[in-house]
PDB file of N, CA and C in Angstrom:
ATOM      1  N   MET A   1       3.399   2.630   7.935  1.00  0.00           N
ATOM      2  CA  MET A   1       4.276   1.534   8.678  1.00  0.00           C
ATOM      3  C   MET A   1       5.538   2.091   9.240  1.00  0.00           C
ATOM      4  N   ILE A   2       6.255   3.003   8.355  1.00  0.00           N
ATOM      5  CA  ILE A   2       7.425   3.490   8.747  1.00  0.00           C
ATOM      6  C   ILE A   2       7.316   4.244  10.123  1.00  0.00           C
ATOM      7  N   ALA A   3       6.230   4.976  10.313  1.00  0.00           N
ATOM      8  CA  ALA A   3       5.971   5.715  11.485  1.00  0.00           C
ATOM      9  C   ALA A   3       5.830   4.755  12.632  1.00  0.00           C
ATOM     10  N   LYS A   4       5.311   3.692  12.414  1.00  0.00           N
ATOM     11  CA  LYS A   4       5.237   2.581  13.524  1.00  0.00           C
ATOM     12  C   LYS A   4       6.596   2.100  14.046  1.00  0.00           C
ATOM     13  N   LEU A   5       7.560   2.113  13.079  1.00  0.00           N
ATOM     14  CA  LEU A   5       8.918   1.607  13.479  1.00  0.00           C
ATOM     15  C   LEU A   5       9.505   2.587  14.410  1.00  0.00           C
ATOM     16  N   THR A   6       9.071   3.870  14.329  1.00  0.00           N
ATOM     17  CA  THR A   6       9.740   4.991  15.269  1.00  0.00           C
ATOM     18  C   THR A   6       9.024   5.098  16.615  1.00  0.00           C
ATOM     19  N   ASN A   7       7.905   4.373  16.694  1.00  0.00           N
ATOM     20  CA  ASN A   7       7.210   4.397  18.043  1.00  0.00           C
ATOM     21  C   ASN A   7       7.722   3.327  18.881  1.00  0.00           C
ATOM     22  N   PRO A   8       8.277   3.825  20.168  1.00  0.00           N
ATOM     23  CA  PRO A   8       8.851   2.800  21.099  1.00  0.00           C
ATOM     24  C   PRO A   8       7.996   1.779  21.501  1.00  0.00           C
ATOM     25  N   ARG A   9       6.676   1.956  21.383  1.00  0.00           N
ATOM     26  CA  ARG A   9       5.675   0.880  21.922  1.00  0.00           C
ATOM     27  C   ARG A   9       5.489  -0.217  20.871  1.00  0.00           C
ATOM     28  N   PHE A  10       6.005  -0.043  19.546  1.00  0.00           N
ATOM     29  CA  PHE A  10       5.691  -0.962  18.594  1.00  0.00           C
ATOM     30  C   PHE A  10       6.249  -2.265  18.834  1.00  0.00           C
ATOM     31  N   LEU A  11       7.506  -2.452  19.312  1.00  0.00           N
ATOM     32  CA  LEU A  11       8.021  -3.830  19.585  1.00  0.00           C
ATOM     33  C   LEU A  11       7.260  -4.452  20.730  1.00  0.00           C
ATOM     34  N   LEU A  12       6.744  -3.753  21.711  1.00  0.00           N
ATOM     35  CA  LEU A  12       6.026  -4.241  22.804  1.00  0.00           C
ATOM     36  C   LEU A  12       4.661  -4.722  22.219  1.00  0.00           C
ATOM     37  N   ASP A  13       4.017  -3.990  21.310  1.00  0.00           N
ATOM     38  CA  ASP A  13       2.798  -4.498  20.748  1.00  0.00           C
ATOM     39  C   ASP A  13       2.890  -5.726  19.924  1.00  0.00           C
ATOM     40  N   VAL A  14       3.990  -5.791  19.203  1.00  0.00           N
ATOM     41  CA  VAL A  14       4.274  -6.996  18.281  1.00  0.00           C
ATOM     42  C   VAL A  14       4.753  -8.283  19.253  1.00  0.00           C
ATOM     43  N   ARG A  15       5.481  -7.995  20.169  1.00  0.00           N
ATOM     44  CA  ARG A  15       5.816  -9.215  20.990  1.00  0.00           C
ATOM     45  C   ARG A  15       4.703 -10.013  21.546  1.00  0.00           C
ATOM     46  N   ILE A  16       3.698  -9.341  22.039  1.00  0.00           N
ATOM     47  CA  ILE A  16       2.672 -10.116  22.615  1.00  0.00           C
ATOM     48  C   ILE A  16       1.857 -11.019  21.671  1.00  0.00           C
ATOM     49  N   LEU A  17       2.005 -10.791  20.300  1.00  0.00           N
ATOM     50  CA  LEU A  17       1.324 -11.509  19.304  1.00  0.00           C
ATOM     51  C   LEU A  17       2.208 -12.676  18.848  1.00  0.00           C
ATOM     52  N   LEU A  18       3.461 -12.806  19.278  1.00  0.00           N
ATOM     53  CA  LEU A  18       4.405 -13.908  18.920  1.00  0.00           C
ATOM     54  C   LEU A  18       4.426 -15.034  19.970  1.00  0.00           C
ATOM     55  N   PRO A  19       4.746 -16.364  19.428  1.00  0.00           N
ATOM     56  CA  PRO A  19       5.173 -17.223  20.441  1.00  0.00           C
ATOM     57  C   PRO A  19       6.367 -16.811  21.277  1.00  0.00           C
ATOM     58  N   VAL A  20       6.519 -17.327  22.334  1.00  0.00           N
ATOM     59  CA  VAL A  20       7.609 -16.971  23.406  1.00  0.00           C
ATOM     60  C   VAL A  20       8.904 -16.911  22.780  1.00  0.00           C
ATOM     61  N   ALA A  21       9.431 -17.944  22.023  1.00  0.00           N
ATOM     62  CA  ALA A  21      10.812 -18.155  21.532  1.00  0.00           C
ATOM     63  C   ALA A  21      11.021 -16.941  20.390  1.00  0.00           C
ATOM     64  N   LEU A  22       9.903 -16.658  19.690  1.00  0.00           N
ATOM     65  CA  LEU A  22      10.201 -15.602  18.779  1.00  0.00           C
ATOM     66  C   LEU A  22      10.053 -14.179  19.368  1.00  0.00           C
ATOM     67  N   ALA A  23       9.350 -13.981  20.287  1.00  0.00           N
ATOM     68  CA  ALA A  23       9.223 -12.638  21.008  1.00  0.00           C
ATOM     69  C   ALA A  23      10.579 -12.436  21.769  1.00  0.00           C
ATOM     70  N   GLU A  24      11.147 -13.352  22.356  1.00  0.00           N
ATOM     71  CA  GLU A  24      12.482 -13.210  23.033  1.00  0.00           C
ATOM     72  C   GLU A  24      13.657 -12.819  22.119  1.00  0.00           C
ATOM     73  N   ALA A  25      13.456 -13.271  20.717  1.00  0.00           N
ATOM     74  CA  ALA A  25      14.534 -13.040  19.696  1.00  0.00           C
ATOM     75  C   ALA A  25      14.161 -11.665  19.044  1.00  0.00           C
ATOM     76  N   LEU A  26      13.077 -11.136  19.209  1.00  0.00           N
ATOM     77  CA  LEU A  26      12.730  -9.907  18.547  1.00  0.00           C
ATOM     78  C   LEU A  26      13.384  -8.833  19.031  1.00  0.00           C
ATOM     79  N   THR A  27      14.404  -8.036  18.328  1.00  0.00           N
ATOM     80  CA  THR A  27      15.103  -6.815  18.676  1.00  0.00           C
ATOM     81  C   THR A  27      14.730  -5.808  17.789  1.00  0.00           C
ATOM     82  N   GLU A  28      15.116  -4.567  18.031  1.00  0.00           N
ATOM     83  CA  GLU A  28      14.915  -3.446  17.095  1.00  0.00           C
ATOM     84  C   GLU A  28      15.620  -3.789  15.744  1.00  0.00           C
ATOM     85  N   GLU A  29      16.812  -4.281  15.818  1.00  0.00           N
ATOM     86  CA  GLU A  29      17.522  -4.577  14.488  1.00  0.00           C
ATOM     87  C   GLU A  29      16.750  -5.645  13.770  1.00  0.00           C
ATOM     88  N   VAL A  30      16.278  -6.752  14.462  1.00  0.00           N
ATOM     89  CA  VAL A  30      15.497  -7.850  13.640  1.00  0.00           C
ATOM     90  C   VAL A  30      14.210  -7.143  12.987  1.00  0.00           C
ATOM     91  N   THR A  31      13.536  -6.255  13.836  1.00  0.00           N
ATOM     92  CA  THR A  31      12.366  -5.621  13.252  1.00  0.00           C
ATOM     93  C   THR A  31      12.628  -4.794  12.033  1.00  0.00           C
ATOM     94  N   VAL A  32      13.574  -3.850  12.132  1.00  0.00           N
ATOM     95  CA  VAL A  32      13.971  -3.179  11.013  1.00  0.00           C
ATOM     96  C   VAL A  32      14.452  -3.827   9.843  1.00  0.00           C
ATOM     97  N   ASP A  33      15.259  -4.930  10.037  1.00  0.00           N
ATOM     98  CA  ASP A  33      15.580  -5.693   8.932  1.00  0.00           C
ATOM     99  C   ASP A  33      14.352  -6.460   8.289  1.00  0.00           C
ATOM    100  N   SER A  34      13.439  -6.984   9.155  1.00  0.00           N
ATOM    101  CA  SER A  34      12.307  -7.602   8.588  1.00  0.00           C
ATOM    102  C   SER A  34      11.547  -6.563   7.722  1.00  0.00           C
ATOM    103  N   PHE A  35      11.435  -5.329   8.288  1.00  0.00           N
ATOM    104  CA  PHE A  35      10.580  -4.235   7.480  1.00  0.00           C
ATOM    105  C   PHE A  35      11.374  -4.061   6.206  1.00  0.00           C
ATOM    106  N   ARG A  36      12.617  -3.994   6.258  1.00  0.00           N
ATOM    107  CA  ARG A  36      13.437  -3.683   4.864  1.00  0.00           C
ATOM    108  C   ARG A  36      13.306  -4.814   4.003  1.00  0.00           C
ATOM    109  N   ARG A  37      13.236  -6.011   4.393  1.00  0.00           N
ATOM    110  CA  ARG A  37      13.031  -7.159   3.543  1.00  0.00           C
ATOM    111  C   ARG A  37      11.557  -7.123   2.809  1.00  0.00           C
ATOM    112  N   MET A  38      10.599  -6.863   3.839  1.00  0.00           N
ATOM    113  CA  MET A  38       9.232  -6.735   3.312  1.00  0.00           C
ATOM    114  C   MET A  38       9.101  -5.624   2.386  1.00  0.00           C
ATOM    115  N   SER A  39       9.692  -4.521   2.640  1.00  0.00           N
ATOM    116  CA  SER A  39       9.529  -3.317   1.731  1.00  0.00           C
ATOM    117  C   SER A  39      10.260  -3.536   0.425  1.00  0.00           C
ATOM    118  N   THR A  40      11.495  -4.192   0.327  1.00  0.00           N
ATOM    119  CA  THR A  40      12.188  -4.343  -0.929  1.00  0.00           C
ATOM    120  C   THR A  40      11.742  -5.581  -1.677  1.00  0.00           C
ATOM    121  N   ASN A  41      11.131  -6.411  -0.964  1.00  0.00           N
ATOM    122  CA  ASN A  41      10.832  -7.756  -1.647  1.00  0.00           C
ATOM    123  C   ASN A  41       9.256  -7.805  -2.105  1.00  0.00           C
ATOM    124  N   LEU A  42       8.565  -6.966  -1.473  1.00  0.00           N
ATOM    125  CA  LEU A  42       7.067  -7.047  -1.623  1.00  0.00           C
ATOM    126  C   LEU A  42       6.463  -5.638  -2.120  1.00  0.00           C
ATOM    127  N   ILE A  43       6.648  -4.779  -1.188  1.00  0.00           N
ATOM    128  CA  ILE A  43       5.935  -3.462  -1.357  1.00  0.00           C
ATOM    129  C   ILE A  43       6.491  -2.738  -2.474  1.00  0.00           C
ATOM    130  N   ASP A  44       7.835  -2.580  -2.665  1.00  0.00           N
ATOM    131  CA  ASP A  44       8.419  -1.967  -3.903  1.00  0.00           C
ATOM    132  C   ASP A  44       8.119  -2.560  -5.174  1.00  0.00           C
ATOM    133  N   ARG A  45       7.664  -3.741  -5.152  1.00  0.00           N
ATOM    134  CA  ARG A  45       7.296  -4.516  -6.378  1.00  0.00           C
ATOM    135  C   ARG A  45       5.889  -4.251  -6.862  1.00  0.00           C
ATOM    136  N   LEU A  46       5.062  -3.839  -5.892  1.00  0.00           N
ATOM    137  CA  LEU A  46       3.712  -3.580  -6.181  1.00  0.00           C
ATOM    138  C   LEU A  46       3.521  -2.514  -7.322  1.00  0.00           C
ATOM    139  N   SER A  47       2.590  -2.786  -8.198  1.00  0.00           N
ATOM    140  CA  SER A  47       2.242  -1.742  -9.182  1.00  0.00           C
ATOM    141  C   SER A  47       1.634  -0.381  -8.617  1.00  0.00           C
ATOM    142  N   GLY A  48       1.791   0.689  -9.419  1.00  0.00           N
ATOM    143  CA  GLY A  48       1.385   1.914  -8.936  1.00  0.00           C
ATOM    144  C   GLY A  48       2.430   2.751  -8.320  1.00  0.00           C
ATOM    145  N   GLU A  49       1.970   3.920  -7.981  1.00  0.00           N
ATOM    146  CA  GLU A  49       3.017   4.953  -7.396  1.00  0.00           C
ATOM    147  C   GLU A  49       3.136   4.682  -5.935  1.00  0.00           C
ATOM    148  N   PRO A  50       4.335   4.906  -5.464  1.00  0.00           N
ATOM    149  CA  PRO A  50       4.425   4.958  -3.978  1.00  0.00           C
ATOM    150  C   PRO A  50       3.650   6.097  -3.320  1.00  0.00           C
ATOM    151  N   ARG A  51       3.296   5.828  -2.185  1.00  0.00           N
ATOM    152  CA  ARG A  51       2.674   6.956  -1.322  1.00  0.00           C
ATOM    153  C   ARG A  51       3.557   8.197  -1.272  1.00  0.00           C
ATOM    154  N   GLY A  52       2.943   9.235  -1.193  1.00  0.00           N
ATOM    155  CA  GLY A  52       3.426  10.601  -1.388  1.00  0.00           C
ATOM    156  C   GLY A  52       4.760  10.883  -0.454  1.00  0.00           C
ATOM    157  N   ARG A  53       4.586  10.464   0.757  1.00  0.00           N
ATOM    158  CA  ARG A  53       5.569  10.845   1.684  1.00  0.00           C
ATOM    159  C   ARG A  53       6.398   9.675   1.958  1.00  0.00           C
ATOM    160  N   THR A  54       6.485   8.594   1.368  1.00  0.00           N
ATOM    161  CA  THR A  54       7.246   7.459   1.653  1.00  0.00           C
ATOM    162  C   THR A  54       8.764   7.639   1.526  1.00  0.00           C
ATOM    163  N   GLN A  55       9.194   8.292   0.556  1.00  0.00           N
ATOM    164  CA  GLN A  55      10.642   8.611   0.488  1.00  0.00           C
ATOM    165  C   GLN A  55      11.183   9.583   1.442  1.00  0.00           C
ATOM    166  N   ALA A  56      10.411  10.548   1.772  1.00  0.00           N
ATOM    167  CA  ALA A  56      10.677  11.447   2.919  1.00  0.00           C
ATOM    168  C   ALA A  56      10.802  10.871   4.248  1.00  0.00           C
ATOM    169  N   MET A  57       9.846   9.846   4.405  1.00  0.00           N
ATOM    170  CA  MET A  57       9.806   9.264   5.695  1.00  0.00           C
ATOM    171  C   MET A  57      11.002   8.248   5.772  1.00  0.00           C
ATOM    172  N   LYS A  58      11.422   7.624   4.783  1.00  0.00           N
ATOM    173  CA  LYS A  58      12.685   6.651   4.754  1.00  0.00           C
ATOM    174  C   LYS A  58      13.768   7.693   5.053  1.00  0.00           C
ATOM    175  N   GLU A  59      13.944   8.611   4.481  1.00  0.00           N
ATOM    176  CA  GLU A  59      15.101   9.510   4.664  1.00  0.00           C
ATOM    177  C   GLU A  59      14.996   9.997   6.139  1.00  0.00           C
ATOM    178  N   ARG A  60      13.863  10.420   6.678  1.00  0.00           N
ATOM    179  CA  ARG A  60      13.894  10.906   8.057  1.00  0.00           C
ATOM    180  C   ARG A  60      14.232   9.917   9.077  1.00  0.00           C
ATOM    181  N   VAL A  61      14.033   8.582   8.913  1.00  0.00           N
ATOM    182  CA  VAL A  61      14.418   7.510   9.885  1.00  0.00           C
ATOM    183  C   VAL A  61      15.716   6.975   9.493  1.00  0.00           C
ATOM    184  N   GLY A  62      16.380   7.343   8.406  1.00  0.00           N
ATOM    185  CA  GLY A  62      17.681   6.801   7.995  1.00  0.00           C
ATOM    186  C   GLY A  62      17.639   5.464   7.180  1.00  0.00           C
ATOM    187  N   PHE A  63      16.479   5.172   6.561  1.00  0.00           N
ATOM    188  CA  PHE A  63      16.436   3.941   5.746  1.00  0.00           C
ATOM    189  C   PHE A  63      17.074   4.322   4.464  1.00  0.00           C
ATOM    190  N   LEU A  64      18.151   3.630   3.887  1.00  0.00           N
ATOM    191  CA  LEU A  64      18.729   4.060   2.702  1.00  0.00           C
ATOM    192  C   LEU A  64      18.378   3.124   1.457  1.00  0.00           C
ATOM    193  N   TRP A  65      17.298   2.284   1.709  1.00  0.00           N
ATOM    194  CA  TRP A  65      16.989   1.528   0.431  1.00  0.00           C
ATOM    195  C   TRP A  65      15.737   2.222  -0.196  1.00  0.00           C
TER     196      TRP A  65
END
């Protein structure tokens, strides 16, 4: 999922799935904030070990959480 956020087409791919009003409000900042909230409020709470490269990928794209 982190790799998708670095893909310039990701926002274009997501926008077509949303109602017009939400698509117009979708920015890179909103997308990254949504991913951060999903990651910290859901994914980080799942049991088990994180995927092997998760921390390295977060550091590579500048995610500090």
